[in-house]
Amino acid sequence: MITWILNNYIEILSSIFGVFAVALSTKQNILCWPLGVVSIVLALYVFYDLGLYEDVVLQLIVFIITIGGWYNWKYGGVNNTELKVSNIKKKELLILISISVILIFMFWFLFTNYTLAKIPLCNAIVSILIVFGMYTQSKKYIECWLILLLNDIICLGIYIYKDLYAFSLLYFIFGILSIIGYISWKKDLKI
C-alpha cells in the first residue's frame, strides 16, 4: 500500500484538492476555483505522464473554464456583483445540448482515429459532459449538479477500468458532492 501511495502521490494530491474544490463549490465558496486549478494542474501531469492525451486535452479545456468560472462567480452578477444561483434558460439548454451531441460525435471520431483511447465513446461523452457541467457551474446554473452527477457516474467506471483508483474514489466522492451541491444550491435558487 505504501508503495502504491508513493508511486501515485500526485494523483492522490490532485484528488484531495479536487474534493476540497467541489466541497467548497457546493457552498458557493469562491475558493473552489483556485483549489480546482491546483487539482487540474496536478491531474494534467498524471495524465501526460501516462500518455492519456485525451484526458490532457480535457483538463486544459476545464482549466480555461475554471479560470472563467472564478471570474464569473465574482463579477458575473448584476452590475459586476457576485453571481447568484439560477436555472438555465430553456433556449440556452437546447443550444448546449445540440452542441454537446455534435461534439460527442466529433470527439468520438478524433479519439477513435487519432489517440490510443481504449474506450473512445465513453471518453468523448465524459469530455463533453464535464465541459457542459463546468460551463453551467461557472454560470451558477443549478442544473450543473445533475450534469456533473451523470459525469461522475460514468467517470467512476472509466477510472476503475483504467486502474486509477484514487481518481475512481474521487469521482465516487464527487457523485455524493453533486447531490449535496444540488440540494444546497436549491435553497438559494433565485426564481
N, C-alpha and C. Protein backbone atom coordinates (compact mmCIF):
# COMPACT_ATOMS: atom_id res chain seq x y z
N MET A 1 0.83 -1.20 0.00
CA MET A 1 0.00 0.00 0.00
C MET A 1 0.87 1.26 0.00
N ILE A 2 1.91 1.26 0.83
CA ILE A 2 2.79 2.42 0.90
C ILE A 2 3.48 2.63 -0.45
N THR A 3 3.87 1.55 -1.10
CA THR A 3 4.50 1.66 -2.42
C THR A 3 3.52 2.30 -3.41
N TRP A 4 2.26 1.89 -3.37
CA TRP A 4 1.26 2.47 -4.27
C TRP A 4 1.10 3.97 -4.00
N ILE A 5 1.03 4.33 -2.73
CA ILE A 5 0.89 5.75 -2.36
C ILE A 5 2.09 6.54 -2.87
N LEU A 6 3.29 6.03 -2.65
CA LEU A 6 4.49 6.73 -3.10
C LEU A 6 4.56 6.84 -4.62
N ASN A 7 4.06 5.84 -5.31
CA ASN A 7 4.07 5.86 -6.78
C ASN A 7 2.94 6.71 -7.37
N ASN A 8 1.94 7.05 -6.57
CA ASN A 8 0.75 7.75 -7.06
C ASN A 8 0.43 9.00 -6.25
N TYR A 9 1.41 9.57 -5.59
CA TYR A 9 1.13 10.70 -4.70
C TYR A 9 0.58 11.93 -5.44
N ILE A 10 0.98 12.14 -6.69
CA ILE A 10 0.46 13.30 -7.43
C ILE A 10 -1.02 13.10 -7.74
N GLU A 11 -1.40 11.88 -8.14
CA GLU A 11 -2.81 11.55 -8.37
C GLU A 11 -3.61 11.75 -7.09
N ILE A 12 -3.03 11.32 -5.97
CA ILE A 12 -3.71 11.45 -4.67
C ILE A 12 -3.88 12.93 -4.31
N LEU A 13 -2.81 13.72 -4.47
CA LEU A 13 -2.90 15.15 -4.17
C LEU A 13 -3.92 15.84 -5.07
N SER A 14 -3.93 15.50 -6.35
CA SER A 14 -4.92 16.07 -7.27
C SER A 14 -6.33 15.75 -6.79
N SER A 15 -6.52 14.52 -6.35
CA SER A 15 -7.83 14.10 -5.87
C SER A 15 -8.24 14.86 -4.62
N ILE A 16 -7.30 15.04 -3.70
CA ILE A 16 -7.60 15.76 -2.45
C ILE A 16 -7.99 17.21 -2.76
N PHE A 17 -7.18 17.88 -3.59
CA PHE A 17 -7.53 19.26 -3.96
C PHE A 17 -8.87 19.30 -4.70
N GLY A 18 -9.14 18.30 -5.53
CA GLY A 18 -10.41 18.23 -6.25
C GLY A 18 -11.60 18.10 -5.32
N VAL A 19 -11.47 17.26 -4.31
CA VAL A 19 -12.56 17.07 -3.35
C VAL A 19 -12.84 18.38 -2.60
N PHE A 20 -11.77 19.04 -2.14
CA PHE A 20 -11.97 20.31 -1.43
C PHE A 20 -12.59 21.36 -2.35
N ALA A 21 -12.16 21.38 -3.61
CA ALA A 21 -12.71 22.35 -4.56
C ALA A 21 -14.20 22.13 -4.76
N VAL A 22 -14.61 20.88 -4.97
CA VAL A 22 -16.03 20.61 -5.19
C VAL A 22 -16.83 20.84 -3.91
N ALA A 23 -16.26 20.45 -2.77
CA ALA A 23 -16.96 20.68 -1.49
C ALA A 23 -17.21 22.18 -1.29
N LEU A 24 -16.22 23.00 -1.60
CA LEU A 24 -16.40 24.44 -1.47
C LEU A 24 -17.42 24.98 -2.47
N SER A 25 -17.46 24.39 -3.67
CA SER A 25 -18.43 24.86 -4.66
C SER A 25 -19.86 24.54 -4.24
N THR A 26 -20.06 23.46 -3.49
CA THR A 26 -21.41 23.15 -3.00
C THR A 26 -21.90 24.25 -2.06
N LYS A 27 -20.94 24.94 -1.43
CA LYS A 27 -21.27 26.04 -0.51
C LYS A 27 -21.14 27.40 -1.19
N GLN A 28 -20.91 27.38 -2.51
CA GLN A 28 -20.75 28.60 -3.30
C GLN A 28 -19.59 29.46 -2.79
N ASN A 29 -18.55 28.81 -2.31
CA ASN A 29 -17.36 29.50 -1.83
C ASN A 29 -16.39 29.66 -3.00
N ILE A 30 -16.04 30.89 -3.31
CA ILE A 30 -15.22 31.18 -4.49
C ILE A 30 -13.83 30.55 -4.44
N LEU A 31 -13.39 30.13 -3.26
CA LEU A 31 -12.10 29.45 -3.16
C LEU A 31 -12.09 28.09 -3.86
N CYS A 32 -13.28 27.63 -4.26
CA CYS A 32 -13.35 26.38 -5.02
C CYS A 32 -12.55 26.48 -6.31
N TRP A 33 -12.54 27.66 -6.91
CA TRP A 33 -11.88 27.81 -8.21
C TRP A 33 -10.37 27.72 -8.12
N PRO A 34 -9.67 28.44 -7.21
CA PRO A 34 -8.21 28.26 -7.15
C PRO A 34 -7.80 26.85 -6.74
N LEU A 35 -8.56 26.22 -5.84
CA LEU A 35 -8.25 24.83 -5.49
C LEU A 35 -8.46 23.91 -6.70
N GLY A 36 -9.46 24.22 -7.49
CA GLY A 36 -9.69 23.47 -8.71
C GLY A 36 -8.53 23.59 -9.68
N VAL A 37 -7.95 24.78 -9.76
CA VAL A 37 -6.79 24.99 -10.63
C VAL A 37 -5.63 24.08 -10.21
N VAL A 38 -5.37 24.01 -8.91
CA VAL A 38 -4.29 23.15 -8.41
C VAL A 38 -4.58 21.69 -8.76
N SER A 39 -5.80 21.25 -8.54
CA SER A 39 -6.18 19.87 -8.86
C SER A 39 -5.99 19.58 -10.34
N ILE A 40 -6.39 20.50 -11.18
CA ILE A 40 -6.28 20.32 -12.63
C ILE A 40 -4.83 20.23 -13.07
N VAL A 41 -3.98 21.11 -12.55
CA VAL A 41 -2.56 21.11 -12.93
C VAL A 41 -1.91 19.78 -12.54
N LEU A 42 -2.22 19.29 -11.35
CA LEU A 42 -1.67 18.00 -10.91
C LEU A 42 -2.20 16.85 -11.79
N ALA A 43 -3.49 16.90 -12.11
CA ALA A 43 -4.07 15.86 -12.97
C ALA A 43 -3.45 15.91 -14.36
N LEU A 44 -3.18 17.10 -14.86
CA LEU A 44 -2.51 17.24 -16.16
C LEU A 44 -1.19 16.47 -16.17
N TYR A 45 -0.43 16.62 -15.11
CA TYR A 45 0.85 15.93 -15.02
C TYR A 45 0.65 14.40 -15.06
N VAL A 46 -0.29 13.91 -14.26
CA VAL A 46 -0.55 12.46 -14.20
C VAL A 46 -0.96 11.94 -15.58
N PHE A 47 -1.93 12.60 -16.20
CA PHE A 47 -2.43 12.13 -17.49
C PHE A 47 -1.35 12.20 -18.58
N TYR A 48 -0.57 13.26 -18.57
CA TYR A 48 0.50 13.39 -19.56
C TYR A 48 1.54 12.30 -19.37
N ASP A 49 1.90 12.06 -18.12
CA ASP A 49 2.89 11.03 -17.79
C ASP A 49 2.43 9.64 -18.21
N LEU A 50 1.12 9.39 -18.14
CA LEU A 50 0.56 8.09 -18.52
C LEU A 50 0.24 8.00 -20.01
N GLY A 51 0.41 9.10 -20.74
CA GLY A 51 0.11 9.10 -22.16
C GLY A 51 -1.38 9.14 -22.46
N LEU A 52 -2.17 9.60 -21.50
CA LEU A 52 -3.62 9.71 -21.68
C LEU A 52 -3.93 11.11 -22.24
N TYR A 53 -3.58 11.29 -23.51
CA TYR A 53 -3.61 12.62 -24.10
C TYR A 53 -5.01 13.19 -24.26
N GLU A 54 -6.01 12.33 -24.43
CA GLU A 54 -7.38 12.84 -24.48
C GLU A 54 -7.78 13.45 -23.14
N ASP A 55 -7.26 12.87 -22.04
CA ASP A 55 -7.52 13.43 -20.72
C ASP A 55 -6.74 14.73 -20.52
N VAL A 56 -5.55 14.83 -21.11
CA VAL A 56 -4.77 16.07 -21.05
C VAL A 56 -5.54 17.21 -21.72
N VAL A 57 -6.06 16.94 -22.93
CA VAL A 57 -6.82 17.96 -23.66
C VAL A 57 -8.04 18.38 -22.83
N LEU A 58 -8.72 17.40 -22.27
CA LEU A 58 -9.90 17.71 -21.44
C LEU A 58 -9.52 18.60 -20.26
N GLN A 59 -8.43 18.27 -19.58
CA GLN A 59 -8.01 19.07 -18.43
C GLN A 59 -7.65 20.49 -18.84
N LEU A 60 -7.07 20.67 -20.01
CA LEU A 60 -6.75 22.01 -20.49
C LEU A 60 -8.03 22.83 -20.72
N ILE A 61 -9.05 22.18 -21.29
CA ILE A 61 -10.33 22.86 -21.51
C ILE A 61 -10.96 23.23 -20.17
N VAL A 62 -10.94 22.28 -19.23
CA VAL A 62 -11.52 22.51 -17.90
C VAL A 62 -10.75 23.63 -17.18
N PHE A 63 -9.44 23.68 -17.38
CA PHE A 63 -8.62 24.74 -16.79
C PHE A 63 -9.12 26.11 -17.25
N ILE A 64 -9.37 26.25 -18.55
CA ILE A 64 -9.85 27.53 -19.10
C ILE A 64 -11.21 27.89 -18.52
N ILE A 65 -12.11 26.90 -18.44
CA ILE A 65 -13.44 27.15 -17.88
C ILE A 65 -13.34 27.52 -16.40
N THR A 66 -12.40 26.89 -15.70
CA THR A 66 -12.22 27.16 -14.27
C THR A 66 -11.78 28.60 -14.05
N ILE A 67 -10.86 29.08 -14.85
CA ILE A 67 -10.43 30.48 -14.72
C ILE A 67 -11.63 31.40 -15.01
N GLY A 68 -12.41 31.08 -16.04
CA GLY A 68 -13.59 31.88 -16.36
C GLY A 68 -14.64 31.83 -15.27
N GLY A 69 -14.84 30.65 -14.68
CA GLY A 69 -15.80 30.50 -13.59
C GLY A 69 -15.41 31.30 -12.37
N TRP A 70 -14.14 31.31 -12.07
CA TRP A 70 -13.61 32.08 -10.94
C TRP A 70 -13.97 33.55 -11.11
N TYR A 71 -13.72 34.07 -12.29
CA TYR A 71 -14.05 35.47 -12.59
C TYR A 71 -15.57 35.68 -12.57
N ASN A 72 -16.29 34.78 -13.22
CA ASN A 72 -17.74 34.93 -13.36
C ASN A 72 -18.46 34.90 -12.02
N TRP A 73 -18.04 34.02 -11.11
CA TRP A 73 -18.69 33.97 -9.80
C TRP A 73 -18.48 35.28 -9.05
N LYS A 74 -17.33 35.89 -9.24
CA LYS A 74 -17.01 37.13 -8.53
C LYS A 74 -17.69 38.34 -9.15
N TYR A 75 -17.74 38.40 -10.50
CA TYR A 75 -18.20 39.61 -11.17
C TYR A 75 -19.34 39.40 -12.17
N GLY A 76 -19.90 38.20 -12.26
CA GLY A 76 -20.89 37.91 -13.30
C GLY A 76 -22.32 38.29 -12.99
N GLY A 77 -22.55 38.83 -11.80
CA GLY A 77 -23.91 39.23 -11.43
C GLY A 77 -24.23 40.63 -11.93
N VAL A 78 -25.39 41.09 -11.54
CA VAL A 78 -25.86 42.42 -11.93
C VAL A 78 -24.86 43.47 -11.45
N ASN A 79 -24.49 44.38 -12.36
CA ASN A 79 -23.54 45.46 -12.06
C ASN A 79 -22.21 44.94 -11.49
N ASN A 80 -21.71 43.86 -12.08
CA ASN A 80 -20.43 43.25 -11.69
C ASN A 80 -20.40 42.78 -10.24
N THR A 81 -21.52 42.31 -9.75
CA THR A 81 -21.59 41.78 -8.39
C THR A 81 -21.47 40.26 -8.43
N GLU A 82 -21.51 39.67 -7.24
CA GLU A 82 -21.43 38.22 -7.13
C GLU A 82 -22.62 37.57 -7.85
N LEU A 83 -22.32 36.52 -8.59
CA LEU A 83 -23.33 35.79 -9.34
C LEU A 83 -24.24 35.00 -8.39
N LYS A 84 -25.51 34.94 -8.69
CA LYS A 84 -26.48 34.19 -7.89
C LYS A 84 -26.89 32.91 -8.61
N VAL A 85 -27.34 31.93 -7.86
CA VAL A 85 -27.82 30.66 -8.42
C VAL A 85 -29.09 30.92 -9.23
N SER A 86 -29.17 30.29 -10.39
CA SER A 86 -30.36 30.42 -11.23
C SER A 86 -30.54 29.14 -12.05
N ASN A 87 -31.66 29.09 -12.76
CA ASN A 87 -31.92 27.99 -13.70
C ASN A 87 -31.41 28.39 -15.08
N ILE A 88 -30.97 27.41 -15.82
CA ILE A 88 -30.56 27.67 -17.19
C ILE A 88 -31.82 27.94 -18.02
N LYS A 89 -31.72 28.86 -18.92
CA LYS A 89 -32.85 29.17 -19.80
C LYS A 89 -33.05 28.01 -20.78
N LYS A 90 -34.29 27.71 -21.12
CA LYS A 90 -34.59 26.57 -22.00
C LYS A 90 -33.90 26.69 -23.35
N LYS A 91 -33.88 27.90 -23.90
CA LYS A 91 -33.24 28.10 -25.20
C LYS A 91 -31.74 27.79 -25.11
N GLU A 92 -31.08 28.29 -24.05
CA GLU A 92 -29.65 28.03 -23.88
C GLU A 92 -29.40 26.55 -23.65
N LEU A 93 -30.28 25.90 -22.90
CA LEU A 93 -30.15 24.46 -22.66
C LEU A 93 -30.23 23.68 -23.96
N LEU A 94 -31.20 24.01 -24.80
CA LEU A 94 -31.32 23.32 -26.09
C LEU A 94 -30.10 23.54 -26.98
N ILE A 95 -29.58 24.75 -26.97
CA ILE A 95 -28.37 25.04 -27.75
C ILE A 95 -27.20 24.23 -27.22
N LEU A 96 -27.02 24.21 -25.90
CA LEU A 96 -25.91 23.47 -25.30
C LEU A 96 -26.03 21.97 -25.55
N ILE A 97 -27.23 21.43 -25.47
CA ILE A 97 -27.43 20.00 -25.74
C ILE A 97 -27.11 19.70 -27.20
N SER A 98 -27.57 20.54 -28.11
CA SER A 98 -27.29 20.34 -29.53
C SER A 98 -25.79 20.38 -29.82
N ILE A 99 -25.12 21.38 -29.27
CA ILE A 99 -23.67 21.49 -29.46
C ILE A 99 -22.98 20.27 -28.84
N SER A 100 -23.43 19.85 -27.67
CA SER A 100 -22.83 18.71 -26.98
C SER A 100 -22.93 17.43 -27.80
N VAL A 101 -24.08 17.18 -28.37
CA VAL A 101 -24.26 15.96 -29.19
C VAL A 101 -23.30 15.99 -30.38
N ILE A 102 -23.21 17.11 -31.05
CA ILE A 102 -22.29 17.24 -32.19
C ILE A 102 -20.85 17.01 -31.73
N LEU A 103 -20.47 17.63 -30.62
CA LEU A 103 -19.11 17.49 -30.11
C LEU A 103 -18.80 16.08 -29.65
N ILE A 104 -19.78 15.38 -29.08
CA ILE A 104 -19.55 13.99 -28.67
C ILE A 104 -19.16 13.16 -29.88
N PHE A 105 -19.89 13.30 -30.99
CA PHE A 105 -19.56 12.53 -32.19
C PHE A 105 -18.21 12.95 -32.76
N MET A 106 -17.92 14.24 -32.72
CA MET A 106 -16.64 14.73 -33.22
C MET A 106 -15.48 14.18 -32.37
N PHE A 107 -15.61 14.27 -31.05
CA PHE A 107 -14.57 13.75 -30.16
C PHE A 107 -14.44 12.24 -30.29
N TRP A 108 -15.54 11.54 -30.44
CA TRP A 108 -15.51 10.08 -30.61
C TRP A 108 -14.68 9.73 -31.84
N PHE A 109 -14.93 10.45 -32.93
CA PHE A 109 -14.16 10.24 -34.16
C PHE A 109 -12.68 10.51 -33.92
N LEU A 110 -12.38 11.65 -33.29
CA LEU A 110 -10.99 12.01 -33.04
C LEU A 110 -10.30 11.01 -32.12
N PHE A 111 -10.97 10.65 -31.02
CA PHE A 111 -10.37 9.71 -30.07
C PHE A 111 -10.18 8.33 -30.69
N THR A 112 -11.10 7.92 -31.56
CA THR A 112 -11.00 6.62 -32.22
C THR A 112 -9.85 6.59 -33.22
N ASN A 113 -9.69 7.66 -33.97
CA ASN A 113 -8.74 7.65 -35.08
C ASN A 113 -7.38 8.29 -34.79
N TYR A 114 -7.29 9.12 -33.75
CA TYR A 114 -6.04 9.85 -33.54
C TYR A 114 -5.45 9.73 -32.14
N THR A 115 -6.01 8.87 -31.31
CA THR A 115 -5.44 8.63 -29.98
C THR A 115 -5.41 7.13 -29.73
N LEU A 116 -4.84 6.76 -28.62
CA LEU A 116 -4.81 5.36 -28.22
C LEU A 116 -5.93 5.06 -27.22
N ALA A 117 -6.96 5.89 -27.22
CA ALA A 117 -8.07 5.71 -26.28
C ALA A 117 -8.66 4.31 -26.42
N LYS A 118 -8.78 3.63 -25.28
CA LYS A 118 -9.33 2.28 -25.27
C LYS A 118 -10.86 2.28 -25.29
N ILE A 119 -11.44 3.35 -24.79
CA ILE A 119 -12.91 3.47 -24.76
C ILE A 119 -13.29 4.85 -25.29
N PRO A 120 -13.11 5.07 -26.59
CA PRO A 120 -13.26 6.42 -27.15
C PRO A 120 -14.65 7.02 -27.02
N LEU A 121 -15.71 6.22 -27.12
CA LEU A 121 -17.05 6.80 -26.98
C LEU A 121 -17.27 7.29 -25.55
N CYS A 122 -16.90 6.49 -24.57
CA CYS A 122 -17.04 6.92 -23.17
C CYS A 122 -16.21 8.16 -22.90
N ASN A 123 -14.97 8.17 -23.43
CA ASN A 123 -14.12 9.35 -23.25
C ASN A 123 -14.74 10.58 -23.89
N ALA A 124 -15.35 10.41 -25.05
CA ALA A 124 -16.00 11.55 -25.73
C ALA A 124 -17.18 12.06 -24.91
N ILE A 125 -17.97 11.14 -24.38
CA ILE A 125 -19.15 11.54 -23.59
C ILE A 125 -18.74 12.30 -22.34
N VAL A 126 -17.78 11.75 -21.58
CA VAL A 126 -17.39 12.44 -20.35
C VAL A 126 -16.66 13.74 -20.64
N SER A 127 -15.93 13.79 -21.74
CA SER A 127 -15.26 15.04 -22.10
C SER A 127 -16.28 16.15 -22.28
N ILE A 128 -17.33 15.85 -23.00
CA ILE A 128 -18.35 16.88 -23.25
C ILE A 128 -19.20 17.13 -22.00
N LEU A 129 -19.51 16.09 -21.24
CA LEU A 129 -20.29 16.28 -20.01
C LEU A 129 -19.54 17.18 -19.03
N ILE A 130 -18.24 16.96 -18.88
CA ILE A 130 -17.51 17.78 -17.92
C ILE A 130 -17.42 19.23 -18.39
N VAL A 131 -17.24 19.41 -19.69
CA VAL A 131 -17.20 20.78 -20.22
C VAL A 131 -18.57 21.45 -20.03
N PHE A 132 -19.63 20.73 -20.38
CA PHE A 132 -21.00 21.22 -20.22
C PHE A 132 -21.29 21.50 -18.74
N GLY A 133 -20.89 20.56 -17.88
CA GLY A 133 -21.13 20.71 -16.44
C GLY A 133 -20.35 21.87 -15.84
N MET A 134 -19.08 21.98 -16.21
CA MET A 134 -18.27 23.07 -15.67
C MET A 134 -18.73 24.43 -16.21
N TYR A 135 -19.12 24.46 -17.47
CA TYR A 135 -19.64 25.72 -18.03
C TYR A 135 -20.88 26.16 -17.27
N THR A 136 -21.82 25.23 -17.05
CA THR A 136 -23.05 25.60 -16.34
C THR A 136 -22.76 25.93 -14.87
N GLN A 137 -21.75 25.29 -14.30
CA GLN A 137 -21.37 25.64 -12.93
C GLN A 137 -20.75 27.05 -12.90
N SER A 138 -19.96 27.37 -13.92
CA SER A 138 -19.35 28.70 -13.97
C SER A 138 -20.41 29.80 -14.08
N LYS A 139 -21.60 29.44 -14.57
CA LYS A 139 -22.72 30.38 -14.68
C LYS A 139 -23.66 30.29 -13.47
N LYS A 140 -23.34 29.40 -12.53
CA LYS A 140 -24.15 29.11 -11.34
C LYS A 140 -25.56 28.65 -11.69
N TYR A 141 -25.65 27.85 -12.76
CA TYR A 141 -26.92 27.21 -13.08
C TYR A 141 -27.04 25.95 -12.23
N ILE A 142 -28.15 25.81 -11.53
CA ILE A 142 -28.33 24.68 -10.63
C ILE A 142 -28.25 23.34 -11.37
N GLU A 143 -28.60 23.34 -12.64
CA GLU A 143 -28.58 22.10 -13.43
C GLU A 143 -27.17 21.52 -13.56
N CYS A 144 -26.15 22.33 -13.26
CA CYS A 144 -24.78 21.83 -13.34
C CYS A 144 -24.59 20.58 -12.51
N TRP A 145 -25.26 20.53 -11.36
CA TRP A 145 -25.07 19.39 -10.46
C TRP A 145 -25.62 18.10 -11.05
N LEU A 146 -26.69 18.19 -11.82
CA LEU A 146 -27.25 16.98 -12.45
C LEU A 146 -26.33 16.50 -13.57
N ILE A 147 -25.79 17.45 -14.33
CA ILE A 147 -24.86 17.11 -15.41
C ILE A 147 -23.59 16.51 -14.81
N LEU A 148 -23.08 17.12 -13.76
CA LEU A 148 -21.86 16.64 -13.13
C LEU A 148 -22.07 15.28 -12.47
N LEU A 149 -23.26 15.04 -11.92
CA LEU A 149 -23.55 13.73 -11.33
C LEU A 149 -23.50 12.63 -12.40
N LEU A 150 -24.10 12.88 -13.54
CA LEU A 150 -24.04 11.91 -14.63
C LEU A 150 -22.59 11.67 -15.04
N ASN A 151 -21.82 12.75 -15.16
CA ASN A 151 -20.41 12.63 -15.49
C ASN A 151 -19.65 11.82 -14.44
N ASP A 152 -19.94 12.08 -13.16
CA ASP A 152 -19.26 11.39 -12.07
C ASP A 152 -19.50 9.88 -12.13
N ILE A 153 -20.71 9.49 -12.43
CA ILE A 153 -21.05 8.07 -12.51
C ILE A 153 -20.27 7.40 -13.64
N ILE A 154 -20.23 8.04 -14.80
CA ILE A 154 -19.51 7.46 -15.94
C ILE A 154 -18.01 7.44 -15.68
N CYS A 155 -17.48 8.55 -15.11
CA CYS A 155 -16.04 8.61 -14.82
C CYS A 155 -15.61 7.57 -13.79
N LEU A 156 -16.45 7.31 -12.84
CA LEU A 156 -16.15 6.28 -11.84
C LEU A 156 -15.84 4.96 -12.55
N GLY A 157 -16.69 4.58 -13.47
CA GLY A 157 -16.46 3.35 -14.22
C GLY A 157 -15.21 3.41 -15.08
N ILE A 158 -14.99 4.52 -15.74
CA ILE A 158 -13.82 4.67 -16.61
C ILE A 158 -12.52 4.56 -15.82
N TYR A 159 -12.44 5.25 -14.69
CA TYR A 159 -11.20 5.24 -13.93
C TYR A 159 -10.96 3.91 -13.23
N ILE A 160 -12.02 3.20 -12.89
CA ILE A 160 -11.82 1.82 -12.41
C ILE A 160 -11.23 0.98 -13.54
N TYR A 161 -11.77 1.13 -14.74
CA TYR A 161 -11.28 0.41 -15.91
C TYR A 161 -9.81 0.73 -16.19
N LYS A 162 -9.40 1.99 -15.98
CA LYS A 162 -8.03 2.42 -16.25
C LYS A 162 -7.08 2.17 -15.07
N ASP A 163 -7.58 1.53 -14.00
CA ASP A 163 -6.80 1.24 -12.80
C ASP A 163 -6.28 2.51 -12.11
N LEU A 164 -7.02 3.59 -12.20
CA LEU A 164 -6.68 4.83 -11.50
C LEU A 164 -7.61 4.93 -10.28
N TYR A 165 -7.20 4.25 -9.21
CA TYR A 165 -8.10 4.06 -8.08
C TYR A 165 -8.32 5.32 -7.26
N ALA A 166 -7.32 6.18 -7.15
CA ALA A 166 -7.53 7.43 -6.43
C ALA A 166 -8.55 8.29 -7.18
N PHE A 167 -8.44 8.33 -8.53
CA PHE A 167 -9.41 9.08 -9.32
C PHE A 167 -10.79 8.41 -9.27
N SER A 168 -10.83 7.09 -9.15
CA SER A 168 -12.11 6.38 -9.01
C SER A 168 -12.80 6.79 -7.72
N LEU A 169 -12.05 6.77 -6.64
CA LEU A 169 -12.59 7.21 -5.35
C LEU A 169 -13.02 8.67 -5.43
N LEU A 170 -12.21 9.48 -6.11
CA LEU A 170 -12.52 10.89 -6.28
C LEU A 170 -13.89 11.07 -6.94
N TYR A 171 -14.16 10.33 -8.01
CA TYR A 171 -15.43 10.51 -8.71
C TYR A 171 -16.61 9.92 -7.94
N PHE A 172 -16.36 8.94 -7.09
CA PHE A 172 -17.41 8.47 -6.18
C PHE A 172 -17.78 9.59 -5.21
N ILE A 173 -16.76 10.22 -4.64
CA ILE A 173 -16.98 11.34 -3.72
C ILE A 173 -17.63 12.50 -4.45
N PHE A 174 -17.16 12.79 -5.69
CA PHE A 174 -17.77 13.85 -6.49
C PHE A 174 -19.26 13.60 -6.70
N GLY A 175 -19.63 12.34 -6.91
CA GLY A 175 -21.05 12.00 -7.08
C GLY A 175 -21.87 12.38 -5.86
N ILE A 176 -21.34 12.05 -4.70
CA ILE A 176 -22.02 12.41 -3.45
C ILE A 176 -22.09 13.93 -3.31
N LEU A 177 -20.98 14.60 -3.62
CA LEU A 177 -20.95 16.06 -3.52
C LEU A 177 -21.89 16.71 -4.54
N SER A 178 -22.08 16.09 -5.69
CA SER A 178 -23.02 16.62 -6.68
C SER A 178 -24.44 16.62 -6.13
N ILE A 179 -24.79 15.58 -5.42
CA ILE A 179 -26.12 15.50 -4.79
C ILE A 179 -26.24 16.58 -3.71
N ILE A 180 -25.20 16.69 -2.88
CA ILE A 180 -25.19 17.71 -1.82
C ILE A 180 -25.26 19.11 -2.44
N GLY A 181 -24.48 19.34 -3.51
CA GLY A 181 -24.48 20.64 -4.16
C GLY A 181 -25.84 21.02 -4.70
N TYR A 182 -26.52 20.06 -5.32
CA TYR A 182 -27.85 20.33 -5.87
C TYR A 182 -28.81 20.73 -4.75
N ILE A 183 -28.80 19.98 -3.67
CA ILE A 183 -29.69 20.27 -2.54
C ILE A 183 -29.36 21.64 -1.94
N SER A 184 -28.07 21.91 -1.76
CA SER A 184 -27.64 23.18 -1.17
C SER A 184 -27.99 24.37 -2.06
N TRP A 185 -27.70 24.25 -3.35
CA TRP A 185 -27.98 25.36 -4.26
C TRP A 185 -29.48 25.57 -4.43
N LYS A 186 -30.25 24.50 -4.32
CA LYS A 186 -31.71 24.61 -4.47
C LYS A 186 -32.28 25.60 -3.45
N LYS A 187 -31.67 25.63 -2.25
CA LYS A 187 -32.13 26.55 -1.21
C LYS A 187 -31.90 28.01 -1.60
N ASP A 188 -30.88 28.26 -2.43
CA ASP A 188 -30.54 29.64 -2.83
C ASP A 188 -31.02 30.00 -4.23
N LEU A 189 -31.79 29.11 -4.82
CA LEU A 189 -32.22 29.32 -6.20
C LEU A 189 -33.06 30.58 -6.30
N LYS A 190 -32.65 31.46 -7.21
CA LYS A 190 -33.37 32.69 -7.45
C LYS A 190 -34.39 32.43 -8.56
N ILE A 191 -35.64 32.48 -8.25
CA ILE A 191 -36.68 32.18 -9.22
C ILE A 191 -37.14 33.44 -9.92
